[in-house]
Amino acid sequence: MISAQEALVRLREGNARYVAGEPIGGALASAARRSQLTDGQAPSAIVLGCSDSRVPAEIIFDQGLGDLFVIRVAGNIVAPSQVGSVEFAAERYGTRLVVVLGHSQCGAVLATLDELQRPTTSQSPNLRSIVDRIRPAVVPLLTTGLRADPDALVHQAVRANVLAAASHLRHGSALLEKMIQEDGLVVVGAEYSLETGVVDFFDGVPQVG
């Protein structure tokens, strides 16, 4: 088992390689690597990210087979199944870092903002369930000056959604809360830039030293 701090260093280093165009992840997906993992896994981090096809966690963090336990859902929302998945990996595999990973221009966040500003009656119940998970985080932003600046509004809405999801994981599960207090589990929030490829860890990052 590696610590949350060490896992975070690995992700940052991997993202730096990805941004620089010098990934090594291909070597970590070889037949030999696959064979090593047939009897078990020990992922260094749990990533709750968006389903967006442009944000595959293993690639943007330059990781290989068995390195990440990835949960993907539109809008990186936190519903009971996502909480349960995080609990499962943290408890079963001893993974100590959880990353809630949002990204710029998130379609689910954009859809939520559109719905809040131009409500419809034709949205499917399933899509509405995603919007309803994001809604509480972004509603307060529409009462600020951000309403007049669409780009800034979307940027802050993406981050507000990440903050809400990370907070939910920290405080919405008795098991995870206990592991945070007693076992070194750390939940951080991050945003991936579609434009630059850089991942900015901006919430809950543990202090070193």
N, C-alpha and C. Protein backbone atom coordinates (compact mmCIF):
# COMPACT_ATOMS: atom_id res chain seq x y z
N MET A 1 0.84 -1.20 0.00
CA MET A 1 0.00 0.00 0.00
C MET A 1 0.88 1.25 0.00
N ILE A 2 0.55 2.21 -0.87
CA ILE A 2 1.30 3.46 -0.87
C ILE A 2 0.41 4.56 -0.28
N SER A 3 1.05 5.59 0.24
CA SER A 3 0.31 6.67 0.87
C SER A 3 -0.38 7.54 -0.17
N ALA A 4 -1.35 8.33 0.31
CA ALA A 4 -2.04 9.26 -0.57
C ALA A 4 -1.06 10.26 -1.18
N GLN A 5 -0.11 10.72 -0.37
CA GLN A 5 0.87 11.69 -0.85
C GLN A 5 1.72 11.11 -1.98
N GLU A 6 2.16 9.87 -1.82
CA GLU A 6 2.98 9.24 -2.86
C GLU A 6 2.15 9.02 -4.12
N ALA A 7 0.91 8.61 -3.95
CA ALA A 7 0.04 8.41 -5.10
C ALA A 7 -0.18 9.71 -5.86
N LEU A 8 -0.33 10.80 -5.12
CA LEU A 8 -0.53 12.10 -5.76
C LEU A 8 0.71 12.51 -6.55
N VAL A 9 1.88 12.23 -6.02
CA VAL A 9 3.12 12.52 -6.74
C VAL A 9 3.16 11.74 -8.05
N ARG A 10 2.77 10.49 -8.01
CA ARG A 10 2.75 9.67 -9.23
C ARG A 10 1.82 10.26 -10.28
N LEU A 11 0.66 10.71 -9.84
CA LEU A 11 -0.29 11.28 -10.80
C LEU A 11 0.24 12.58 -11.38
N ARG A 12 0.83 13.41 -10.55
CA ARG A 12 1.38 14.68 -11.05
C ARG A 12 2.52 14.43 -12.03
N GLU A 13 3.39 13.50 -11.70
CA GLU A 13 4.50 13.18 -12.60
C GLU A 13 3.98 12.61 -13.91
N GLY A 14 2.99 11.75 -13.83
CA GLY A 14 2.42 11.16 -15.03
C GLY A 14 1.74 12.20 -15.91
N ASN A 15 1.02 13.14 -15.29
CA ASN A 15 0.38 14.19 -16.07
C ASN A 15 1.42 15.08 -16.73
N ALA A 16 2.51 15.34 -16.04
CA ALA A 16 3.58 16.15 -16.63
C ALA A 16 4.17 15.46 -17.86
N ARG A 17 4.34 14.12 -17.80
CA ARG A 17 4.83 13.38 -18.97
C ARG A 17 3.83 13.47 -20.12
N TYR A 18 2.56 13.33 -19.79
CA TYR A 18 1.51 13.40 -20.81
C TYR A 18 1.51 14.77 -21.48
N VAL A 19 1.58 15.84 -20.71
CA VAL A 19 1.57 17.19 -21.26
C VAL A 19 2.81 17.42 -22.13
N ALA A 20 3.94 16.86 -21.71
CA ALA A 20 5.18 17.04 -22.45
C ALA A 20 5.27 16.15 -23.68
N GLY A 21 4.30 15.25 -23.84
CA GLY A 21 4.33 14.34 -24.98
C GLY A 21 5.35 13.23 -24.83
N GLU A 22 5.66 12.86 -23.58
CA GLU A 22 6.65 11.83 -23.32
C GLU A 22 6.08 10.72 -22.43
N PRO A 23 4.93 10.16 -22.80
CA PRO A 23 4.29 9.14 -21.95
C PRO A 23 5.04 7.81 -21.98
N ILE A 24 4.92 7.08 -20.89
CA ILE A 24 5.49 5.74 -20.80
C ILE A 24 4.39 4.71 -20.57
N GLY A 25 3.15 5.16 -20.56
CA GLY A 25 2.02 4.29 -20.23
C GLY A 25 1.92 3.06 -21.09
N GLY A 26 2.35 3.15 -22.36
CA GLY A 26 2.26 1.99 -23.23
C GLY A 26 3.03 0.80 -22.71
N ALA A 27 4.17 1.08 -22.08
CA ALA A 27 4.99 0.00 -21.52
C ALA A 27 4.31 -0.63 -20.31
N LEU A 28 3.34 0.09 -19.73
CA LEU A 28 2.64 -0.42 -18.55
C LEU A 28 1.35 -1.14 -18.92
N ALA A 29 1.19 -1.43 -20.22
CA ALA A 29 0.00 -2.16 -20.69
C ALA A 29 0.41 -3.37 -21.52
N SER A 30 1.61 -3.87 -21.25
CA SER A 30 2.16 -4.99 -22.02
C SER A 30 1.55 -6.32 -21.58
N ALA A 31 1.84 -7.35 -22.35
CA ALA A 31 1.38 -8.70 -21.99
C ALA A 31 1.97 -9.13 -20.66
N ALA A 32 3.22 -8.75 -20.42
CA ALA A 32 3.87 -9.12 -19.16
C ALA A 32 3.16 -8.44 -17.99
N ARG A 33 2.83 -7.18 -18.17
CA ARG A 33 2.11 -6.45 -17.14
C ARG A 33 0.75 -7.07 -16.88
N ARG A 34 0.07 -7.44 -17.95
CA ARG A 34 -1.24 -8.06 -17.83
C ARG A 34 -1.15 -9.37 -17.04
N SER A 35 -0.11 -10.13 -17.32
CA SER A 35 0.08 -11.40 -16.63
C SER A 35 0.32 -11.20 -15.14
N GLN A 36 1.03 -10.13 -14.79
CA GLN A 36 1.30 -9.85 -13.38
C GLN A 36 0.04 -9.57 -12.59
N LEU A 37 -1.00 -9.12 -13.27
CA LEU A 37 -2.20 -8.66 -12.58
C LEU A 37 -3.32 -9.69 -12.52
N THR A 38 -3.08 -10.88 -13.05
CA THR A 38 -4.17 -11.86 -13.09
C THR A 38 -4.63 -12.31 -11.70
N ASP A 39 -3.74 -12.24 -10.74
CA ASP A 39 -4.08 -12.72 -9.39
C ASP A 39 -4.53 -11.62 -8.44
N GLY A 40 -4.57 -10.37 -8.90
CA GLY A 40 -5.01 -9.31 -8.01
C GLY A 40 -4.59 -7.95 -8.50
N GLN A 41 -4.99 -6.94 -7.75
CA GLN A 41 -4.65 -5.57 -8.10
C GLN A 41 -4.41 -4.74 -6.85
N ALA A 42 -3.66 -3.67 -7.01
CA ALA A 42 -3.39 -2.74 -5.92
C ALA A 42 -3.31 -1.34 -6.50
N PRO A 43 -4.41 -0.81 -6.98
CA PRO A 43 -4.38 0.52 -7.60
C PRO A 43 -3.89 1.59 -6.63
N SER A 44 -3.09 2.52 -7.15
CA SER A 44 -2.53 3.55 -6.29
C SER A 44 -3.50 4.68 -6.04
N ALA A 45 -4.51 4.84 -6.90
CA ALA A 45 -5.47 5.92 -6.72
C ALA A 45 -6.83 5.50 -7.27
N ILE A 46 -7.86 6.08 -6.68
CA ILE A 46 -9.24 5.95 -7.16
C ILE A 46 -9.58 7.26 -7.85
N VAL A 47 -10.05 7.20 -9.08
CA VAL A 47 -10.41 8.41 -9.81
C VAL A 47 -11.89 8.37 -10.15
N LEU A 48 -12.64 9.31 -9.60
CA LEU A 48 -14.04 9.49 -9.98
C LEU A 48 -14.08 10.62 -10.99
N GLY A 49 -14.22 10.26 -12.25
CA GLY A 49 -14.14 11.26 -13.31
C GLY A 49 -15.37 11.26 -14.20
N CYS A 50 -15.36 12.16 -15.16
CA CYS A 50 -16.46 12.30 -16.10
C CYS A 50 -16.31 11.27 -17.22
N SER A 51 -17.44 10.89 -17.82
CA SER A 51 -17.43 9.93 -18.91
C SER A 51 -16.95 10.52 -20.23
N ASP A 52 -16.73 11.81 -20.27
CA ASP A 52 -16.32 12.50 -21.50
C ASP A 52 -15.17 11.75 -22.18
N SER A 53 -15.33 11.50 -23.48
CA SER A 53 -14.35 10.70 -24.22
C SER A 53 -12.98 11.36 -24.30
N ARG A 54 -12.91 12.65 -23.97
CA ARG A 54 -11.64 13.38 -24.05
C ARG A 54 -10.85 13.35 -22.76
N VAL A 55 -11.38 12.66 -21.74
CA VAL A 55 -10.74 12.70 -20.42
C VAL A 55 -10.53 11.29 -19.85
N PRO A 56 -9.81 10.43 -20.57
CA PRO A 56 -9.52 9.09 -20.02
C PRO A 56 -8.42 9.17 -18.97
N ALA A 57 -8.74 8.81 -17.76
CA ALA A 57 -7.81 9.02 -16.64
C ALA A 57 -6.46 8.34 -16.84
N GLU A 58 -6.47 7.11 -17.32
CA GLU A 58 -5.21 6.39 -17.47
C GLU A 58 -4.26 7.12 -18.43
N ILE A 59 -4.83 7.75 -19.46
CA ILE A 59 -3.99 8.42 -20.45
C ILE A 59 -3.48 9.77 -19.92
N ILE A 60 -4.37 10.58 -19.37
CA ILE A 60 -3.94 11.91 -18.95
C ILE A 60 -3.02 11.88 -17.73
N PHE A 61 -3.05 10.76 -16.98
CA PHE A 61 -2.11 10.60 -15.87
C PHE A 61 -0.97 9.66 -16.24
N ASP A 62 -0.94 9.21 -17.49
CA ASP A 62 0.11 8.32 -17.99
C ASP A 62 0.32 7.13 -17.06
N GLN A 63 -0.76 6.42 -16.80
CA GLN A 63 -0.71 5.23 -15.96
C GLN A 63 -1.05 3.99 -16.79
N GLY A 64 -0.76 2.82 -16.23
CA GLY A 64 -0.96 1.59 -16.98
C GLY A 64 -1.98 0.67 -16.33
N LEU A 65 -1.98 -0.56 -16.81
CA LEU A 65 -2.90 -1.56 -16.27
C LEU A 65 -2.68 -1.71 -14.76
N GLY A 66 -3.77 -1.71 -14.01
CA GLY A 66 -3.69 -1.96 -12.57
C GLY A 66 -3.32 -0.77 -11.73
N ASP A 67 -3.06 0.39 -12.36
CA ASP A 67 -2.60 1.55 -11.59
C ASP A 67 -3.73 2.38 -11.00
N LEU A 68 -4.86 2.45 -11.70
CA LEU A 68 -5.97 3.30 -11.27
C LEU A 68 -7.26 2.52 -11.20
N PHE A 69 -8.04 2.82 -10.17
CA PHE A 69 -9.41 2.29 -10.07
C PHE A 69 -10.31 3.44 -10.52
N VAL A 70 -10.85 3.34 -11.73
CA VAL A 70 -11.53 4.46 -12.35
C VAL A 70 -13.04 4.26 -12.37
N ILE A 71 -13.74 5.29 -11.90
CA ILE A 71 -15.21 5.33 -11.91
C ILE A 71 -15.59 6.51 -12.79
N ARG A 72 -16.31 6.25 -13.88
CA ARG A 72 -16.65 7.34 -14.79
C ARG A 72 -18.16 7.46 -14.93
N VAL A 73 -18.63 8.67 -14.83
CA VAL A 73 -20.06 8.97 -14.95
C VAL A 73 -20.19 10.40 -15.43
N ALA A 74 -21.18 10.68 -16.26
CA ALA A 74 -21.35 12.03 -16.79
C ALA A 74 -21.39 13.06 -15.66
N GLY A 75 -20.56 14.09 -15.79
CA GLY A 75 -20.55 15.14 -14.79
C GLY A 75 -19.84 14.79 -13.50
N ASN A 76 -19.08 13.66 -13.49
CA ASN A 76 -18.41 13.19 -12.26
C ASN A 76 -19.27 13.39 -11.02
N ILE A 77 -20.56 13.02 -11.15
CA ILE A 77 -21.49 13.17 -10.03
C ILE A 77 -21.28 12.08 -8.99
N VAL A 78 -21.77 12.32 -7.80
CA VAL A 78 -21.70 11.33 -6.73
C VAL A 78 -23.10 10.90 -6.35
N ALA A 79 -23.44 9.68 -6.72
CA ALA A 79 -24.69 9.03 -6.35
C ALA A 79 -24.31 7.79 -5.53
N PRO A 80 -25.27 7.08 -4.94
CA PRO A 80 -24.92 5.94 -4.09
C PRO A 80 -24.01 4.91 -4.73
N SER A 81 -24.20 4.62 -6.01
CA SER A 81 -23.34 3.62 -6.65
C SER A 81 -21.90 4.09 -6.75
N GLN A 82 -21.70 5.40 -6.95
CA GLN A 82 -20.33 5.91 -6.99
C GLN A 82 -19.69 5.88 -5.60
N VAL A 83 -20.45 6.26 -4.59
CA VAL A 83 -19.92 6.18 -3.22
C VAL A 83 -19.54 4.74 -2.89
N GLY A 84 -20.42 3.81 -3.24
CA GLY A 84 -20.14 2.40 -2.98
C GLY A 84 -18.90 1.91 -3.71
N SER A 85 -18.69 2.38 -4.92
CA SER A 85 -17.51 1.98 -5.68
C SER A 85 -16.23 2.49 -5.02
N VAL A 86 -16.27 3.73 -4.54
CA VAL A 86 -15.10 4.28 -3.83
C VAL A 86 -14.86 3.49 -2.55
N GLU A 87 -15.92 3.23 -1.79
CA GLU A 87 -15.79 2.45 -0.56
C GLU A 87 -15.17 1.09 -0.85
N PHE A 88 -15.65 0.45 -1.91
CA PHE A 88 -15.16 -0.89 -2.28
C PHE A 88 -13.66 -0.87 -2.52
N ALA A 89 -13.19 0.06 -3.35
CA ALA A 89 -11.77 0.09 -3.68
C ALA A 89 -10.91 0.48 -2.49
N ALA A 90 -11.38 1.44 -1.72
CA ALA A 90 -10.60 1.90 -0.57
C ALA A 90 -10.47 0.80 0.48
N GLU A 91 -11.55 0.08 0.69
CA GLU A 91 -11.53 -0.96 1.72
C GLU A 91 -10.86 -2.24 1.24
N ARG A 92 -11.18 -2.66 0.02
CA ARG A 92 -10.69 -3.94 -0.46
C ARG A 92 -9.23 -3.90 -0.89
N TYR A 93 -8.82 -2.80 -1.53
CA TYR A 93 -7.48 -2.73 -2.09
C TYR A 93 -6.54 -1.83 -1.30
N GLY A 94 -7.06 -1.15 -0.29
CA GLY A 94 -6.21 -0.29 0.53
C GLY A 94 -5.77 0.98 -0.17
N THR A 95 -6.46 1.36 -1.22
CA THR A 95 -6.11 2.58 -1.95
C THR A 95 -6.41 3.79 -1.07
N ARG A 96 -5.45 4.70 -0.98
CA ARG A 96 -5.57 5.80 -0.03
C ARG A 96 -5.78 7.17 -0.65
N LEU A 97 -5.80 7.27 -1.97
CA LEU A 97 -6.05 8.55 -2.62
C LEU A 97 -7.29 8.44 -3.50
N VAL A 98 -8.21 9.39 -3.31
CA VAL A 98 -9.40 9.49 -4.15
C VAL A 98 -9.34 10.84 -4.85
N VAL A 99 -9.46 10.84 -6.17
CA VAL A 99 -9.45 12.06 -6.95
C VAL A 99 -10.80 12.25 -7.62
N VAL A 100 -11.47 13.35 -7.31
CA VAL A 100 -12.67 13.73 -8.06
C VAL A 100 -12.19 14.62 -9.20
N LEU A 101 -12.35 14.15 -10.42
CA LEU A 101 -11.74 14.81 -11.58
C LEU A 101 -12.80 15.40 -12.51
N GLY A 102 -12.92 16.73 -12.46
CA GLY A 102 -13.76 17.43 -13.42
C GLY A 102 -12.92 17.89 -14.60
N HIS A 103 -13.53 18.56 -15.55
CA HIS A 103 -12.76 19.05 -16.69
C HIS A 103 -13.43 20.27 -17.30
N SER A 104 -12.64 21.06 -17.99
CA SER A 104 -13.16 22.28 -18.61
C SER A 104 -14.23 21.92 -19.65
N GLN A 105 -15.19 22.82 -19.80
CA GLN A 105 -16.26 22.66 -20.78
C GLN A 105 -17.03 21.34 -20.62
N CYS A 106 -17.27 20.95 -19.37
CA CYS A 106 -17.98 19.71 -19.10
C CYS A 106 -19.41 19.78 -19.64
N GLY A 107 -19.78 18.84 -20.48
CA GLY A 107 -21.09 18.85 -21.10
C GLY A 107 -22.22 18.75 -20.11
N ALA A 108 -22.04 17.94 -19.06
CA ALA A 108 -23.10 17.79 -18.07
C ALA A 108 -23.31 19.08 -17.29
N VAL A 109 -22.23 19.78 -17.00
CA VAL A 109 -22.34 21.07 -16.31
C VAL A 109 -23.00 22.09 -17.23
N LEU A 110 -22.59 22.10 -18.49
CA LEU A 110 -23.22 23.01 -19.45
C LEU A 110 -24.70 22.74 -19.59
N ALA A 111 -25.08 21.45 -19.61
CA ALA A 111 -26.49 21.09 -19.71
C ALA A 111 -27.27 21.57 -18.49
N THR A 112 -26.63 21.49 -17.33
CA THR A 112 -27.27 21.95 -16.10
C THR A 112 -27.48 23.46 -16.13
N LEU A 113 -26.46 24.19 -16.55
CA LEU A 113 -26.60 25.64 -16.65
C LEU A 113 -27.68 26.02 -17.66
N ASP A 114 -27.73 25.31 -18.78
CA ASP A 114 -28.77 25.59 -19.78
C ASP A 114 -30.16 25.35 -19.20
N GLU A 115 -30.29 24.25 -18.47
CA GLU A 115 -31.59 23.91 -17.89
C GLU A 115 -32.02 24.93 -16.85
N LEU A 116 -31.07 25.42 -16.06
CA LEU A 116 -31.39 26.39 -15.03
C LEU A 116 -31.81 27.73 -15.63
N GLN A 117 -31.19 28.09 -16.75
CA GLN A 117 -31.47 29.38 -17.36
C GLN A 117 -32.60 29.33 -18.39
N ARG A 118 -32.78 28.14 -18.97
CA ARG A 118 -33.85 27.97 -19.97
C ARG A 118 -34.53 26.63 -19.73
N PRO A 119 -35.35 26.55 -18.69
CA PRO A 119 -35.97 25.26 -18.32
C PRO A 119 -36.77 24.65 -19.47
N THR A 120 -36.73 23.32 -19.55
CA THR A 120 -37.49 22.59 -20.55
C THR A 120 -38.41 21.58 -19.87
N THR A 121 -39.31 21.05 -20.63
CA THR A 121 -40.22 20.01 -20.10
C THR A 121 -39.99 18.68 -20.79
N SER A 122 -39.05 18.65 -21.73
CA SER A 122 -38.86 17.44 -22.54
C SER A 122 -37.65 16.61 -22.12
N GLN A 123 -36.92 17.06 -21.11
CA GLN A 123 -35.72 16.34 -20.69
C GLN A 123 -36.09 14.97 -20.11
N SER A 124 -35.35 13.95 -20.49
CA SER A 124 -35.65 12.61 -19.99
C SER A 124 -35.40 12.54 -18.48
N PRO A 125 -36.15 11.69 -17.77
CA PRO A 125 -35.95 11.56 -16.32
C PRO A 125 -34.54 11.14 -15.96
N ASN A 126 -33.93 10.33 -16.80
CA ASN A 126 -32.57 9.85 -16.50
C ASN A 126 -31.55 10.96 -16.62
N LEU A 127 -31.67 11.77 -17.67
CA LEU A 127 -30.77 12.91 -17.81
C LEU A 127 -31.04 13.93 -16.71
N ARG A 128 -32.30 14.11 -16.37
CA ARG A 128 -32.64 15.06 -15.31
C ARG A 128 -32.01 14.64 -13.98
N SER A 129 -31.87 13.35 -13.76
CA SER A 129 -31.27 12.89 -12.50
C SER A 129 -29.82 13.34 -12.39
N ILE A 130 -29.12 13.43 -13.53
CA ILE A 130 -27.74 13.94 -13.52
C ILE A 130 -27.75 15.44 -13.25
N VAL A 131 -28.61 16.15 -13.97
CA VAL A 131 -28.73 17.60 -13.78
C VAL A 131 -29.07 17.93 -12.32
N ASP A 132 -29.96 17.14 -11.74
CA ASP A 132 -30.37 17.41 -10.37
C ASP A 132 -29.24 17.20 -9.37
N ARG A 133 -28.28 16.33 -9.71
CA ARG A 133 -27.12 16.14 -8.83
C ARG A 133 -26.17 17.33 -8.90
N ILE A 134 -26.09 17.95 -10.07
CA ILE A 134 -25.17 19.07 -10.27
C ILE A 134 -25.79 20.39 -9.83
N ARG A 135 -27.10 20.50 -9.98
CA ARG A 135 -27.84 21.74 -9.75
C ARG A 135 -27.47 22.46 -8.44
N PRO A 136 -27.47 21.80 -7.27
CA PRO A 136 -27.23 22.54 -6.02
C PRO A 136 -25.87 23.25 -5.98
N ALA A 137 -24.89 22.70 -6.68
CA ALA A 137 -23.55 23.30 -6.65
C ALA A 137 -23.46 24.56 -7.49
N VAL A 138 -24.29 24.63 -8.55
CA VAL A 138 -24.12 25.75 -9.49
C VAL A 138 -25.20 26.83 -9.36
N VAL A 139 -26.33 26.52 -8.73
CA VAL A 139 -27.39 27.52 -8.57
C VAL A 139 -26.87 28.82 -7.95
N PRO A 140 -26.08 28.77 -6.85
CA PRO A 140 -25.64 30.02 -6.24
C PRO A 140 -24.83 30.92 -7.18
N LEU A 141 -24.16 30.32 -8.15
CA LEU A 141 -23.34 31.11 -9.08
C LEU A 141 -24.19 32.01 -9.97
N LEU A 142 -25.44 31.62 -10.20
CA LEU A 142 -26.31 32.39 -11.08
C LEU A 142 -26.84 33.65 -10.41
N THR A 143 -26.57 33.81 -9.14
CA THR A 143 -26.99 35.03 -8.44
C THR A 143 -25.84 36.03 -8.33
N THR A 144 -24.72 35.72 -8.98
CA THR A 144 -23.53 36.58 -8.92
C THR A 144 -23.28 37.23 -10.28
N GLY A 145 -22.23 38.03 -10.31
CA GLY A 145 -21.86 38.69 -11.55
C GLY A 145 -21.38 37.73 -12.63
N LEU A 146 -21.13 36.47 -12.25
CA LEU A 146 -20.70 35.48 -13.23
C LEU A 146 -21.75 35.24 -14.31
N ARG A 147 -22.99 35.54 -13.98
CA ARG A 147 -24.07 35.32 -14.95
C ARG A 147 -23.82 36.12 -16.23
N ALA A 148 -23.10 37.23 -16.12
CA ALA A 148 -22.83 38.07 -17.29
C ALA A 148 -21.55 37.67 -18.02
N ASP A 149 -20.85 36.66 -17.51
CA ASP A 149 -19.60 36.21 -18.11
C ASP A 149 -19.67 34.70 -18.31
N PRO A 150 -20.21 34.24 -19.45
CA PRO A 150 -20.44 32.81 -19.66
C PRO A 150 -19.22 31.92 -19.47
N ASP A 151 -18.07 32.35 -19.96
CA ASP A 151 -16.87 31.52 -19.82
C ASP A 151 -16.47 31.35 -18.36
N ALA A 152 -16.47 32.46 -17.63
CA ALA A 152 -16.11 32.39 -16.20
C ALA A 152 -17.15 31.59 -15.43
N LEU A 153 -18.41 31.71 -15.83
CA LEU A 153 -19.48 30.96 -15.17
C LEU A 153 -19.27 29.47 -15.32
N VAL A 154 -18.97 29.02 -16.52
CA VAL A 154 -18.75 27.59 -16.75
C VAL A 154 -17.54 27.11 -15.96
N HIS A 155 -16.47 27.88 -15.98
CA HIS A 155 -15.26 27.49 -15.24
C HIS A 155 -15.54 27.32 -13.76
N GLN A 156 -16.22 28.28 -13.17
CA GLN A 156 -16.53 28.20 -11.75
C GLN A 156 -17.56 27.11 -11.45
N ALA A 157 -18.48 26.87 -12.38
CA ALA A 157 -19.48 25.82 -12.19
C ALA A 157 -18.82 24.45 -12.18
N VAL A 158 -17.86 24.23 -13.07
CA VAL A 158 -17.13 22.97 -13.10
C VAL A 158 -16.44 22.74 -11.76
N ARG A 159 -15.80 23.78 -11.24
CA ARG A 159 -15.08 23.64 -9.97
C ARG A 159 -16.04 23.48 -8.79
N ALA A 160 -17.15 24.19 -8.83
CA ALA A 160 -18.14 24.05 -7.76
C ALA A 160 -18.70 22.63 -7.73
N ASN A 161 -18.88 22.03 -8.90
CA ASN A 161 -19.37 20.66 -8.97
C ASN A 161 -18.35 19.67 -8.42
N VAL A 162 -17.09 19.90 -8.71
CA VAL A 162 -16.03 19.06 -8.14
C VAL A 162 -15.99 19.19 -6.62
N LEU A 163 -16.05 20.43 -6.13
CA LEU A 163 -16.02 20.65 -4.69
C LEU A 163 -17.18 19.95 -3.99
N ALA A 164 -18.37 20.02 -4.60
CA ALA A 164 -19.54 19.38 -4.00
C ALA A 164 -19.38 17.87 -3.97
N ALA A 165 -18.85 17.29 -5.06
CA ALA A 165 -18.67 15.84 -5.11
C ALA A 165 -17.62 15.38 -4.10
N ALA A 166 -16.52 16.12 -4.00
CA ALA A 166 -15.48 15.75 -3.04
C ALA A 166 -15.99 15.84 -1.61
N SER A 167 -16.76 16.89 -1.32
CA SER A 167 -17.34 17.04 0.01
C SER A 167 -18.29 15.90 0.33
N HIS A 168 -19.07 15.50 -0.66
CA HIS A 168 -20.01 14.39 -0.48
C HIS A 168 -19.26 13.12 -0.10
N LEU A 169 -18.16 12.85 -0.78
CA LEU A 169 -17.39 11.64 -0.46
C LEU A 169 -16.78 11.73 0.94
N ARG A 170 -16.33 12.93 1.31
CA ARG A 170 -15.71 13.08 2.64
C ARG A 170 -16.72 12.95 3.77
N HIS A 171 -17.94 13.41 3.54
CA HIS A 171 -18.91 13.52 4.65
C HIS A 171 -20.21 12.72 4.44
N GLY A 172 -20.35 12.09 3.29
CA GLY A 172 -21.59 11.38 3.01
C GLY A 172 -21.50 9.88 3.17
N SER A 173 -20.40 9.41 3.70
CA SER A 173 -20.19 7.97 3.91
C SER A 173 -19.50 7.77 5.24
N ALA A 174 -20.13 7.03 6.13
CA ALA A 174 -19.53 6.77 7.44
C ALA A 174 -18.23 5.99 7.28
N LEU A 175 -18.19 5.08 6.31
CA LEU A 175 -16.99 4.28 6.10
C LEU A 175 -15.83 5.15 5.62
N LEU A 176 -16.08 5.98 4.62
CA LEU A 176 -15.00 6.83 4.11
C LEU A 176 -14.57 7.86 5.14
N GLU A 177 -15.51 8.39 5.90
CA GLU A 177 -15.17 9.37 6.93
C GLU A 177 -14.26 8.74 7.98
N LYS A 178 -14.54 7.51 8.34
CA LYS A 178 -13.71 6.80 9.31
C LYS A 178 -12.30 6.55 8.74
N MET A 179 -12.25 6.19 7.46
CA MET A 179 -10.95 5.93 6.84
C MET A 179 -10.14 7.22 6.70
N ILE A 180 -10.81 8.34 6.49
CA ILE A 180 -10.11 9.63 6.43
C ILE A 180 -9.52 9.96 7.80
N GLN A 181 -10.29 9.72 8.86
CA GLN A 181 -9.85 10.06 10.21
C GLN A 181 -8.78 9.12 10.74
N GLU A 182 -8.86 7.84 10.35
CA GLU A 182 -8.01 6.84 11.00
C GLU A 182 -6.99 6.16 10.10
N ASP A 183 -7.23 6.14 8.79
CA ASP A 183 -6.42 5.29 7.92
C ASP A 183 -5.67 6.03 6.81
N GLY A 184 -5.67 7.36 6.85
CA GLY A 184 -4.90 8.09 5.86
C GLY A 184 -5.54 8.26 4.50
N LEU A 185 -6.84 7.99 4.41
CA LEU A 185 -7.53 8.22 3.15
C LEU A 185 -7.64 9.72 2.88
N VAL A 186 -7.36 10.12 1.65
CA VAL A 186 -7.43 11.53 1.27
C VAL A 186 -8.29 11.67 0.02
N VAL A 187 -9.20 12.64 0.04
CA VAL A 187 -10.03 12.94 -1.12
C VAL A 187 -9.64 14.31 -1.63
N VAL A 188 -9.25 14.39 -2.89
CA VAL A 188 -8.87 15.67 -3.48
C VAL A 188 -9.74 15.96 -4.69
N GLY A 189 -9.86 17.25 -5.00
CA GLY A 189 -10.59 17.68 -6.18
C GLY A 189 -9.63 18.22 -7.22
N ALA A 190 -9.90 17.93 -8.49
CA ALA A 190 -9.00 18.37 -9.56
C ALA A 190 -9.79 18.73 -10.80
N GLU A 191 -9.17 19.54 -11.66
CA GLU A 191 -9.78 19.89 -12.94
C GLU A 191 -8.78 19.67 -14.06
N TYR A 192 -9.22 18.97 -15.09
CA TYR A 192 -8.41 18.74 -16.28
C TYR A 192 -8.75 19.78 -17.33
N SER A 193 -7.73 20.38 -17.91
CA SER A 193 -7.93 21.37 -18.96
C SER A 193 -7.89 20.70 -20.32
N LEU A 194 -9.00 20.75 -21.05
CA LEU A 194 -9.01 20.21 -22.40
C LEU A 194 -8.04 20.96 -23.29
N GLU A 195 -7.82 22.23 -22.97
CA GLU A 195 -7.00 23.08 -23.81
C GLU A 195 -5.50 22.81 -23.64
N THR A 196 -5.06 22.55 -22.42
CA THR A 196 -3.63 22.39 -22.17
C THR A 196 -3.22 20.97 -21.79
N GLY A 197 -4.15 20.16 -21.33
CA GLY A 197 -3.83 18.82 -20.87
C GLY A 197 -3.40 18.77 -19.42
N VAL A 198 -3.31 19.92 -18.77
CA VAL A 198 -2.83 19.99 -17.39
C VAL A 198 -3.96 19.68 -16.41
N VAL A 199 -3.64 18.90 -15.40
CA VAL A 199 -4.56 18.64 -14.29
C VAL A 199 -4.17 19.53 -13.12
N ASP A 200 -5.12 20.33 -12.66
CA ASP A 200 -4.89 21.22 -11.52
C ASP A 200 -5.58 20.63 -10.30
N PHE A 201 -4.79 20.20 -9.32
CA PHE A 201 -5.32 19.71 -8.05
C PHE A 201 -5.57 20.92 -7.16
N PHE A 202 -6.82 21.26 -6.94
CA PHE A 202 -7.11 22.54 -6.28
C PHE A 202 -7.88 22.41 -4.97
N ASP A 203 -8.24 21.19 -4.58
CA ASP A 203 -9.04 21.06 -3.35
C ASP A 203 -8.55 19.86 -2.54
N GLY A 204 -8.33 20.09 -1.24
CA GLY A 204 -8.02 19.00 -0.32
C GLY A 204 -6.64 18.41 -0.47
N VAL A 205 -5.73 19.10 -1.14
CA VAL A 205 -4.39 18.54 -1.36
C VAL A 205 -3.62 18.52 -0.04
N PRO A 206 -3.10 17.37 0.36
CA PRO A 206 -2.39 17.29 1.65
C PRO A 206 -1.09 18.06 1.63
N GLN A 207 -0.79 18.67 2.75
CA GLN A 207 0.47 19.41 2.90
C GLN A 207 1.61 18.42 3.08
N VAL A 208 2.71 18.69 2.45
CA VAL A 208 3.89 17.82 2.55
C VAL A 208 4.84 18.36 3.61
N GLY A 209 5.32 17.47 4.48
CA GLY A 209 6.27 17.88 5.49
C GLY A 209 5.65 18.38 6.76
